[in-house]
C-alpha cells in the first residue's frame, strides 16, 4: 500500500479574520474635552457675580433695613443706603446724627411687625426684593457697593424689566 502524500491533511489554522484598522480616538476625546471646557466657561461667566450666599445676604439687608425703619433708627437706616441715596438725603438737610434707640436700648422681646421677604432677584451688582408686611407691599432695590449690599432706589433703573419681581 502506498501512502497518499496528502493524507492525513496538513493541519490548518483557522481562517484569518481581517483586522480592523484602529481608529484614532484622540480627536473625539479632544472634541469632548473642548466642549466641556466651553460649557464650564459659560457657566462660570454667567455665575461669576453670584456667590452661593448672595440671595441670603440681600434678604438680611432688607430685613435689617425694615427693622431700622420700624425702630425709627434714622442713623441705621441711612447707614444701609447706597452712597448716591445717602448723599441725596444729606443734601436735603435731613439729620443723620439724630439720637435713635439702638438695638440694645429696645424693649426685650419687642419687635416690629412681621416682615415677609420674597422674590429675591440678582442681576450683577443690583438686586430687587419684594417686602410684604402689614400695610406695606413694596419692592426694595439694592446695589452692591464695595462688596456690601445697600438699599438703593436708583438701582431699579439698572435692572432689566424681567429682573424686577413686581411693579
N, C-alpha and C. Protein backbone atom coordinates (compact mmCIF):
# COMPACT_ATOMS: atom_id res chain seq x y z
N UNK A 1 0.79 -1.14 0.00
CA UNK A 1 0.00 0.00 0.00
C UNK A 1 0.85 1.23 0.00
N UNK A 2 0.50 1.98 -0.86
CA UNK A 2 1.24 3.23 -0.93
C UNK A 2 0.52 4.28 -0.11
N UNK A 3 1.33 5.04 0.38
CA UNK A 3 0.75 6.06 1.25
C UNK A 3 0.49 7.33 0.43
N UNK A 4 -0.70 7.86 0.67
CA UNK A 4 -1.10 9.09 -0.03
C UNK A 4 -0.38 10.27 0.62
N UNK A 5 0.35 11.03 -0.17
CA UNK A 5 1.09 12.13 0.44
C UNK A 5 0.18 13.23 0.98
N UNK A 6 -1.05 13.30 0.61
CA UNK A 6 -1.96 14.35 1.10
C UNK A 6 -2.84 13.85 2.24
N UNK A 7 -2.57 12.61 2.62
CA UNK A 7 -3.36 12.07 3.73
C UNK A 7 -2.49 11.85 4.89
N UNK A 8 -2.84 12.12 6.03
CA UNK A 8 -3.89 13.00 6.54
C UNK A 8 -3.61 14.43 6.13
N UNK A 9 -4.65 15.20 6.03
CA UNK A 9 -4.45 16.58 5.59
C UNK A 9 -3.59 17.34 6.61
N UNK A 10 -2.83 18.21 6.10
CA UNK A 10 -1.99 19.02 6.97
C UNK A 10 -2.87 19.92 7.84
N UNK A 11 -2.50 20.04 9.08
CA UNK A 11 -3.33 20.90 9.95
C UNK A 11 -3.29 22.34 9.44
N UNK A 12 -4.44 22.93 9.48
CA UNK A 12 -4.53 24.32 9.03
C UNK A 12 -5.00 25.19 10.19
N UNK A 13 -4.59 26.39 10.16
CA UNK A 13 -5.05 27.31 11.20
C UNK A 13 -6.39 27.88 10.76
N UNK A 14 -7.14 28.38 11.71
CA UNK A 14 -8.44 28.95 11.33
C UNK A 14 -8.22 30.09 10.36
N UNK A 15 -9.23 30.36 9.59
CA UNK A 15 -9.05 31.44 8.61
C UNK A 15 -8.76 32.76 9.33
N UNK A 16 -7.93 33.52 8.76
CA UNK A 16 -7.52 34.78 9.38
C UNK A 16 -8.64 35.81 9.20
N UNK A 17 -9.02 36.40 10.31
CA UNK A 17 -10.07 37.42 10.31
C UNK A 17 -9.40 38.75 10.02
N UNK A 18 -9.95 39.48 9.08
CA UNK A 18 -9.30 40.75 8.78
C UNK A 18 -9.34 41.66 10.00
N UNK A 19 -8.25 42.28 10.30
CA UNK A 19 -8.16 43.18 11.45
C UNK A 19 -8.78 44.53 11.11
N UNK A 20 -9.46 45.07 12.15
CA UNK A 20 -9.99 46.42 11.98
C UNK A 20 -8.84 47.40 12.07
N UNK A 21 -8.92 48.35 11.25
CA UNK A 21 -7.91 49.38 11.32
C UNK A 21 -8.22 50.20 12.56
N UNK A 22 -7.27 50.30 13.49
CA UNK A 22 -7.58 51.03 14.72
C UNK A 22 -7.87 52.51 14.42
N UNK A 23 -8.96 52.96 15.02
CA UNK A 23 -9.33 54.37 14.85
C UNK A 23 -8.54 55.21 15.82
N UNK A 24 -8.28 56.35 15.40
CA UNK A 24 -7.62 57.29 16.30
C UNK A 24 -8.72 57.96 17.11
N UNK A 25 -8.71 57.71 18.42
CA UNK A 25 -9.76 58.22 19.30
C UNK A 25 -9.44 59.60 19.84
N UNK A 26 -8.21 60.00 19.75
CA UNK A 26 -7.85 61.27 20.38
C UNK A 26 -8.59 62.45 19.79
N UNK A 27 -8.93 62.49 18.50
CA UNK A 27 -9.70 63.67 18.04
C UNK A 27 -11.08 63.75 18.71
N UNK A 28 -11.70 62.59 18.94
CA UNK A 28 -13.01 62.60 19.60
C UNK A 28 -12.88 63.03 21.05
N UNK A 29 -11.89 62.49 21.72
CA UNK A 29 -11.68 62.85 23.12
C UNK A 29 -11.33 64.33 23.25
N UNK A 30 -10.54 64.83 22.34
CA UNK A 30 -10.20 66.24 22.35
C UNK A 30 -11.45 67.11 22.13
N UNK A 31 -12.30 66.69 21.23
CA UNK A 31 -13.54 67.42 20.96
C UNK A 31 -14.44 67.46 22.19
N UNK A 32 -14.57 66.34 22.88
CA UNK A 32 -15.40 66.29 24.09
C UNK A 32 -14.79 67.19 25.17
N UNK A 33 -13.47 67.13 25.31
CA UNK A 33 -12.81 67.97 26.32
C UNK A 33 -13.03 69.46 26.02
N UNK A 34 -12.94 69.84 24.76
CA UNK A 34 -13.15 71.24 24.39
C UNK A 34 -14.59 71.66 24.69
N UNK A 35 -15.54 70.81 24.38
CA UNK A 35 -16.95 71.13 24.67
C UNK A 35 -17.18 71.30 26.17
N UNK A 36 -16.58 70.43 26.98
CA UNK A 36 -16.74 70.54 28.43
C UNK A 36 -16.11 71.83 28.96
N UNK A 37 -14.96 72.20 28.42
CA UNK A 37 -14.32 73.45 28.85
C UNK A 37 -15.15 74.67 28.46
N UNK A 38 -15.72 74.65 27.27
CA UNK A 38 -16.56 75.76 26.83
C UNK A 38 -17.80 75.86 27.72
N UNK A 39 -18.42 74.72 28.03
CA UNK A 39 -19.60 74.73 28.89
C UNK A 39 -19.25 75.25 30.28
N UNK A 40 -18.13 74.80 30.84
CA UNK A 40 -17.71 75.29 32.16
C UNK A 40 -17.42 76.79 32.12
N UNK A 41 -16.83 77.27 31.03
CA UNK A 41 -16.56 78.70 30.91
C UNK A 41 -17.83 79.52 30.85
N UNK A 42 -18.82 79.04 30.13
CA UNK A 42 -20.10 79.76 30.03
C UNK A 42 -20.77 79.82 31.39
N UNK A 43 -20.81 78.70 32.09
CA UNK A 43 -21.43 78.67 33.42
C UNK A 43 -20.66 79.59 34.37
N UNK A 44 -19.35 79.54 34.32
CA UNK A 44 -18.54 80.41 35.19
C UNK A 44 -18.77 81.88 34.90
N UNK A 45 -18.89 82.23 33.63
CA UNK A 45 -19.12 83.63 33.27
C UNK A 45 -20.49 84.10 33.75
N UNK A 46 -21.50 83.27 33.57
CA UNK A 46 -22.85 83.65 33.98
C UNK A 46 -22.94 83.78 35.49
N UNK A 47 -22.27 82.91 36.22
CA UNK A 47 -22.40 82.89 37.68
C UNK A 47 -21.29 83.65 38.40
N UNK A 48 -20.43 84.37 37.68
CA UNK A 48 -19.27 84.98 38.31
C UNK A 48 -19.61 85.98 39.41
N UNK A 49 -20.70 86.70 39.27
CA UNK A 49 -21.06 87.71 40.27
C UNK A 49 -21.98 87.19 41.35
N UNK A 50 -22.35 85.95 41.24
CA UNK A 50 -23.29 85.40 42.22
C UNK A 50 -22.62 84.36 43.07
N UNK A 51 -22.23 84.76 44.23
CA UNK A 51 -21.70 83.79 45.19
C UNK A 51 -22.89 83.00 45.73
N UNK A 52 -22.65 81.80 46.27
CA UNK A 52 -23.77 80.97 46.71
C UNK A 52 -24.69 81.63 47.73
N UNK A 53 -24.17 82.53 48.58
CA UNK A 53 -25.00 83.11 49.62
C UNK A 53 -25.55 84.49 49.31
N UNK A 54 -25.44 84.96 48.09
CA UNK A 54 -25.89 86.31 47.76
C UNK A 54 -27.39 86.53 48.03
N UNK A 55 -28.28 85.63 47.65
CA UNK A 55 -29.69 85.87 47.97
C UNK A 55 -29.94 86.01 49.47
N UNK A 56 -29.22 85.23 50.28
CA UNK A 56 -29.38 85.35 51.73
C UNK A 56 -28.86 86.69 52.23
N UNK A 57 -27.77 87.17 51.66
CA UNK A 57 -27.24 88.47 52.07
C UNK A 57 -28.21 89.59 51.72
N UNK A 58 -28.83 89.51 50.56
CA UNK A 58 -29.81 90.52 50.15
C UNK A 58 -31.01 90.48 51.10
N UNK A 59 -31.47 89.28 51.44
CA UNK A 59 -32.59 89.15 52.39
C UNK A 59 -32.24 89.77 53.74
N UNK A 60 -31.02 89.51 54.23
CA UNK A 60 -30.60 90.04 55.53
C UNK A 60 -30.60 91.57 55.53
N UNK A 61 -30.09 92.17 54.46
CA UNK A 61 -30.06 93.64 54.39
C UNK A 61 -31.49 94.19 54.38
N UNK A 62 -32.37 93.58 53.59
CA UNK A 62 -33.76 94.05 53.54
C UNK A 62 -34.43 93.90 54.91
N UNK A 63 -34.16 92.81 55.59
CA UNK A 63 -34.76 92.58 56.91
C UNK A 63 -34.22 93.58 57.94
N UNK A 64 -32.90 93.83 57.92
CA UNK A 64 -32.31 94.80 58.85
C UNK A 64 -32.82 96.21 58.55
N UNK A 65 -32.98 96.53 57.28
CA UNK A 65 -33.48 97.85 56.90
C UNK A 65 -34.92 98.03 57.41
N UNK A 66 -35.76 97.02 57.23
CA UNK A 66 -37.13 97.09 57.73
C UNK A 66 -37.15 97.26 59.25
N UNK A 67 -36.26 96.56 59.95
CA UNK A 67 -36.18 96.69 61.41
C UNK A 67 -35.76 98.09 61.83
N UNK A 68 -34.80 98.67 61.13
CA UNK A 68 -34.34 100.03 61.45
C UNK A 68 -35.46 101.04 61.21
N UNK A 69 -36.20 100.85 60.14
CA UNK A 69 -37.32 101.75 59.85
C UNK A 69 -38.38 101.61 60.95
N UNK A 70 -38.68 100.38 61.37
CA UNK A 70 -39.66 100.15 62.43
C UNK A 70 -39.25 100.84 63.74
N UNK A 71 -37.96 100.79 64.06
CA UNK A 71 -37.48 101.39 65.31
C UNK A 71 -37.34 102.90 65.19
N UNK A 72 -37.44 103.43 63.98
CA UNK A 72 -37.23 104.86 63.78
C UNK A 72 -35.75 105.21 63.88
N UNK A 73 -34.89 104.25 63.64
CA UNK A 73 -33.45 104.44 63.74
C UNK A 73 -32.93 105.05 62.43
N UNK A 74 -32.92 106.39 62.40
CA UNK A 74 -32.53 107.11 61.19
C UNK A 74 -31.09 106.82 60.83
N UNK A 75 -30.21 106.82 61.81
CA UNK A 75 -28.79 106.60 61.54
C UNK A 75 -28.56 105.21 60.93
N UNK A 76 -29.20 104.20 61.47
CA UNK A 76 -29.04 102.85 60.93
C UNK A 76 -29.64 102.75 59.53
N UNK A 77 -30.79 103.38 59.34
CA UNK A 77 -31.44 103.35 58.02
C UNK A 77 -30.57 104.01 56.97
N UNK A 78 -30.05 105.20 57.30
CA UNK A 78 -29.20 105.92 56.36
C UNK A 78 -27.90 105.14 56.12
N UNK A 79 -27.40 104.46 57.14
CA UNK A 79 -26.19 103.67 57.01
C UNK A 79 -26.33 102.49 56.07
N UNK A 80 -27.56 102.07 55.82
CA UNK A 80 -27.80 100.94 54.91
C UNK A 80 -28.14 101.40 53.50
N UNK A 81 -28.14 102.71 53.26
CA UNK A 81 -28.43 103.23 51.93
C UNK A 81 -27.15 103.29 51.09
N UNK A 82 -27.31 103.24 49.79
CA UNK A 82 -26.17 103.38 48.89
C UNK A 82 -25.65 104.82 48.98
N UNK A 83 -24.44 105.02 48.53
CA UNK A 83 -23.81 106.34 48.64
C UNK A 83 -24.64 107.41 47.92
N UNK A 84 -25.18 107.06 46.77
CA UNK A 84 -25.96 108.03 45.99
C UNK A 84 -27.19 108.48 46.76
N UNK A 85 -27.91 107.54 47.34
CA UNK A 85 -29.14 107.89 48.05
C UNK A 85 -28.84 108.57 49.39
N UNK A 86 -27.82 108.11 50.10
CA UNK A 86 -27.44 108.74 51.36
C UNK A 86 -26.99 110.18 51.11
N UNK A 87 -26.29 110.42 50.00
CA UNK A 87 -25.86 111.77 49.65
C UNK A 87 -27.05 112.67 49.36
N UNK A 88 -28.07 112.11 48.69
CA UNK A 88 -29.27 112.89 48.41
C UNK A 88 -29.97 113.30 49.71
N UNK A 89 -30.01 112.40 50.69
CA UNK A 89 -30.65 112.72 51.97
C UNK A 89 -29.87 113.80 52.70
N UNK A 90 -28.55 113.72 52.66
CA UNK A 90 -27.73 114.74 53.32
C UNK A 90 -27.93 116.09 52.65
N UNK A 91 -28.08 116.08 51.32
CA UNK A 91 -28.32 117.34 50.59
C UNK A 91 -29.67 117.94 50.96
N UNK A 92 -30.64 117.10 51.30
CA UNK A 92 -31.97 117.58 51.68
C UNK A 92 -31.98 118.12 53.11
N UNK A 93 -30.88 117.98 53.83
CA UNK A 93 -30.79 118.53 55.18
C UNK A 93 -31.41 117.66 56.24
N UNK A 94 -31.62 116.38 55.96
CA UNK A 94 -32.16 115.50 56.99
C UNK A 94 -31.10 115.22 58.03
N UNK A 95 -31.47 115.19 59.30
CA UNK A 95 -30.48 114.95 60.34
C UNK A 95 -29.99 113.51 60.28
N UNK A 96 -28.66 113.33 60.19
CA UNK A 96 -28.13 111.97 60.12
C UNK A 96 -27.56 111.53 61.45
N UNK A 97 -27.25 112.46 62.36
CA UNK A 97 -26.67 112.08 63.65
C UNK A 97 -27.69 112.10 64.76
N UNK A 98 -28.95 112.07 64.41
CA UNK A 98 -30.02 112.13 65.39
C UNK A 98 -29.96 110.92 66.33
N UNK A 99 -30.16 111.15 67.61
CA UNK A 99 -30.15 110.05 68.57
C UNK A 99 -31.35 109.16 68.30
N UNK A 100 -31.11 107.91 68.21
CA UNK A 100 -32.19 106.96 67.99
C UNK A 100 -31.91 105.72 68.81
N UNK A 101 -32.94 105.01 69.18
CA UNK A 101 -32.73 103.85 70.03
C UNK A 101 -31.91 102.79 69.31
N UNK A 102 -30.89 102.30 69.97
CA UNK A 102 -30.09 101.23 69.38
C UNK A 102 -30.75 99.90 69.69
N UNK A 103 -30.23 98.84 69.14
CA UNK A 103 -30.80 97.52 69.37
C UNK A 103 -30.71 97.17 70.85
N UNK A 104 -29.67 97.66 71.55
CA UNK A 104 -29.51 97.35 72.97
C UNK A 104 -30.56 98.06 73.81
N UNK A 105 -31.04 99.22 73.35
CA UNK A 105 -32.00 100.01 74.12
C UNK A 105 -33.43 99.58 73.85
N UNK A 106 -33.65 98.69 72.95
CA UNK A 106 -35.01 98.23 72.63
C UNK A 106 -35.56 97.43 73.80
N UNK A 107 -36.86 97.43 73.89
CA UNK A 107 -37.52 96.63 74.91
C UNK A 107 -37.25 95.16 74.63
N UNK A 108 -36.93 94.37 75.66
CA UNK A 108 -36.70 92.95 75.41
C UNK A 108 -37.96 92.31 74.83
N UNK A 109 -37.78 91.56 73.79
CA UNK A 109 -38.91 90.87 73.15
C UNK A 109 -39.70 91.77 72.22
N UNK A 110 -39.40 93.07 72.21
CA UNK A 110 -40.13 93.97 71.32
C UNK A 110 -39.63 93.77 69.90
N UNK A 111 -40.55 93.63 69.00
CA UNK A 111 -40.17 93.51 67.58
C UNK A 111 -41.23 94.21 66.76
N UNK A 112 -40.83 94.58 65.57
CA UNK A 112 -41.76 95.25 64.68
C UNK A 112 -42.72 94.25 64.08
N UNK A 113 -43.53 94.74 63.16
CA UNK A 113 -44.46 93.84 62.50
C UNK A 113 -43.71 92.77 61.70
N UNK A 114 -44.33 91.63 61.51
CA UNK A 114 -43.65 90.57 60.75
C UNK A 114 -43.36 91.03 59.33
N UNK A 115 -42.19 90.66 58.86
CA UNK A 115 -41.75 91.04 57.52
C UNK A 115 -41.56 89.77 56.70
N UNK A 116 -42.19 89.75 55.52
CA UNK A 116 -42.00 88.63 54.61
C UNK A 116 -41.20 89.13 53.42
N UNK A 117 -40.08 88.47 53.19
CA UNK A 117 -39.19 88.85 52.09
C UNK A 117 -39.21 87.74 51.06
N UNK A 118 -39.51 88.09 49.81
CA UNK A 118 -39.61 87.08 48.76
C UNK A 118 -39.10 87.65 47.44
N UNK A 119 -39.09 86.81 46.44
CA UNK A 119 -38.71 87.21 45.08
C UNK A 119 -37.37 87.95 45.02
N UNK A 120 -36.35 87.36 45.60
CA UNK A 120 -35.02 87.96 45.52
C UNK A 120 -34.49 87.73 44.11
N UNK A 121 -34.19 88.81 43.43
CA UNK A 121 -33.65 88.75 42.06
C UNK A 121 -32.33 89.50 42.04
N UNK A 122 -31.30 88.85 41.55
CA UNK A 122 -29.98 89.48 41.50
C UNK A 122 -29.51 89.50 40.05
N UNK A 123 -29.05 90.66 39.61
CA UNK A 123 -28.52 90.81 38.26
C UNK A 123 -27.21 91.58 38.39
N UNK A 124 -26.10 90.86 38.47
CA UNK A 124 -24.80 91.51 38.62
C UNK A 124 -24.69 92.17 39.98
N UNK A 125 -24.53 93.49 39.99
CA UNK A 125 -24.37 94.20 41.26
C UNK A 125 -25.63 94.96 41.68
N UNK A 126 -26.77 94.61 41.11
CA UNK A 126 -28.05 95.18 41.54
C UNK A 126 -29.01 94.04 41.85
N UNK A 127 -29.96 94.33 42.74
CA UNK A 127 -30.91 93.30 43.15
C UNK A 127 -32.25 93.95 43.48
N UNK A 128 -33.28 93.12 43.48
CA UNK A 128 -34.59 93.57 43.94
C UNK A 128 -35.13 92.49 44.87
N UNK A 129 -35.95 92.92 45.80
CA UNK A 129 -36.56 92.00 46.76
C UNK A 129 -37.96 92.53 47.09
N UNK A 130 -38.92 91.64 47.14
CA UNK A 130 -40.29 92.04 47.45
C UNK A 130 -40.48 91.94 48.96
N UNK A 131 -40.98 93.01 49.56
CA UNK A 131 -41.19 93.07 51.01
C UNK A 131 -42.68 93.24 51.28
N UNK A 132 -43.20 92.34 52.10
CA UNK A 132 -44.61 92.39 52.48
C UNK A 132 -44.69 92.40 54.00
N UNK A 133 -45.49 93.30 54.51
CA UNK A 133 -45.75 93.38 55.95
C UNK A 133 -47.10 94.06 56.12
N UNK A 134 -47.66 94.09 57.30
CA UNK A 134 -48.98 94.70 57.45
C UNK A 134 -49.00 96.14 56.93
N UNK A 135 -49.82 96.37 55.93
CA UNK A 135 -50.00 97.69 55.36
C UNK A 135 -48.94 98.08 54.33
N UNK A 136 -47.98 97.22 54.09
CA UNK A 136 -46.91 97.55 53.13
C UNK A 136 -46.70 96.37 52.19
N UNK A 137 -46.67 96.68 50.92
CA UNK A 137 -46.39 95.68 49.88
C UNK A 137 -45.55 96.40 48.83
N UNK A 138 -44.23 96.24 48.90
CA UNK A 138 -43.35 97.04 48.06
C UNK A 138 -42.14 96.24 47.59
N UNK A 139 -41.41 96.83 46.68
CA UNK A 139 -40.16 96.25 46.20
C UNK A 139 -39.02 97.16 46.61
N UNK A 140 -38.01 96.58 47.25
CA UNK A 140 -36.79 97.32 47.58
C UNK A 140 -35.75 96.99 46.52
N UNK A 141 -34.96 97.98 46.17
CA UNK A 141 -33.88 97.77 45.22
C UNK A 141 -32.56 97.96 45.96
N UNK A 142 -31.59 97.14 45.62
CA UNK A 142 -30.31 97.19 46.30
C UNK A 142 -29.18 97.24 45.28
N UNK A 143 -28.07 97.79 45.71
CA UNK A 143 -26.87 97.84 44.87
C UNK A 143 -25.70 97.35 45.72
N UNK A 144 -24.81 96.61 45.09
CA UNK A 144 -23.62 96.12 45.79
C UNK A 144 -22.51 97.14 45.59
N UNK A 145 -22.07 97.74 46.70
CA UNK A 145 -21.01 98.74 46.66
C UNK A 145 -19.89 98.27 47.58
N UNK A 146 -18.70 98.17 47.05
CA UNK A 146 -17.53 97.72 47.82
C UNK A 146 -17.79 96.38 48.49
N UNK A 147 -18.51 95.51 47.80
CA UNK A 147 -18.76 94.16 48.30
C UNK A 147 -19.91 94.06 49.30
N UNK A 148 -20.62 95.16 49.55
CA UNK A 148 -21.70 95.16 50.54
C UNK A 148 -23.00 95.60 49.86
N UNK A 149 -24.09 94.87 50.14
CA UNK A 149 -25.40 95.24 49.58
C UNK A 149 -25.97 96.41 50.36
N UNK A 150 -26.47 97.43 49.63
CA UNK A 150 -27.06 98.62 50.23
C UNK A 150 -28.41 98.87 49.56
N UNK A 151 -29.37 99.38 50.34
CA UNK A 151 -30.67 99.74 49.79
C UNK A 151 -30.46 100.95 48.88
N UNK A 152 -31.01 100.87 47.65
CA UNK A 152 -30.69 101.91 46.67
C UNK A 152 -31.80 101.98 45.61
N UNK A 153 -32.72 102.92 45.78
CA UNK A 153 -33.82 103.06 44.82
C UNK A 153 -33.32 103.31 43.40
N UNK A 154 -32.25 104.11 43.18
CA UNK A 154 -31.78 104.32 41.80
C UNK A 154 -31.33 103.03 41.10
N UNK A 155 -31.09 101.96 41.84
CA UNK A 155 -30.68 100.69 41.23
C UNK A 155 -31.79 100.09 40.38
N UNK A 156 -33.02 100.52 40.59
CA UNK A 156 -34.14 100.00 39.81
C UNK A 156 -33.94 100.25 38.32
N UNK A 157 -33.31 101.36 37.99
CA UNK A 157 -33.10 101.71 36.58
C UNK A 157 -32.10 100.76 35.90
N UNK A 158 -31.26 100.09 36.68
CA UNK A 158 -30.25 99.20 36.09
C UNK A 158 -30.71 97.76 35.99
N UNK A 159 -31.89 97.46 36.50
CA UNK A 159 -32.40 96.08 36.41
C UNK A 159 -33.21 95.93 35.13
N UNK A 160 -33.01 94.83 34.42
CA UNK A 160 -33.87 94.57 33.24
C UNK A 160 -35.30 94.39 33.71
N UNK A 161 -36.21 94.62 32.82
CA UNK A 161 -37.64 94.52 33.17
C UNK A 161 -37.98 93.15 33.73
N UNK A 162 -37.31 92.08 33.29
CA UNK A 162 -37.64 90.74 33.78
C UNK A 162 -37.06 90.48 35.15
N UNK A 163 -36.13 91.32 35.62
CA UNK A 163 -35.50 91.07 36.91
C UNK A 163 -36.29 91.66 38.06
N UNK A 164 -37.16 92.63 37.81
CA UNK A 164 -37.93 93.19 38.91
C UNK A 164 -39.15 92.30 39.15
N UNK A 165 -39.36 91.88 40.41
CA UNK A 165 -40.40 90.93 40.69
C UNK A 165 -41.81 91.44 40.50
N UNK A 166 -42.07 92.65 40.95
CA UNK A 166 -43.44 93.19 40.86
C UNK A 166 -43.34 94.69 40.66
N UNK A 167 -44.36 95.28 40.07
CA UNK A 167 -44.33 96.74 39.88
C UNK A 167 -44.45 97.48 41.17
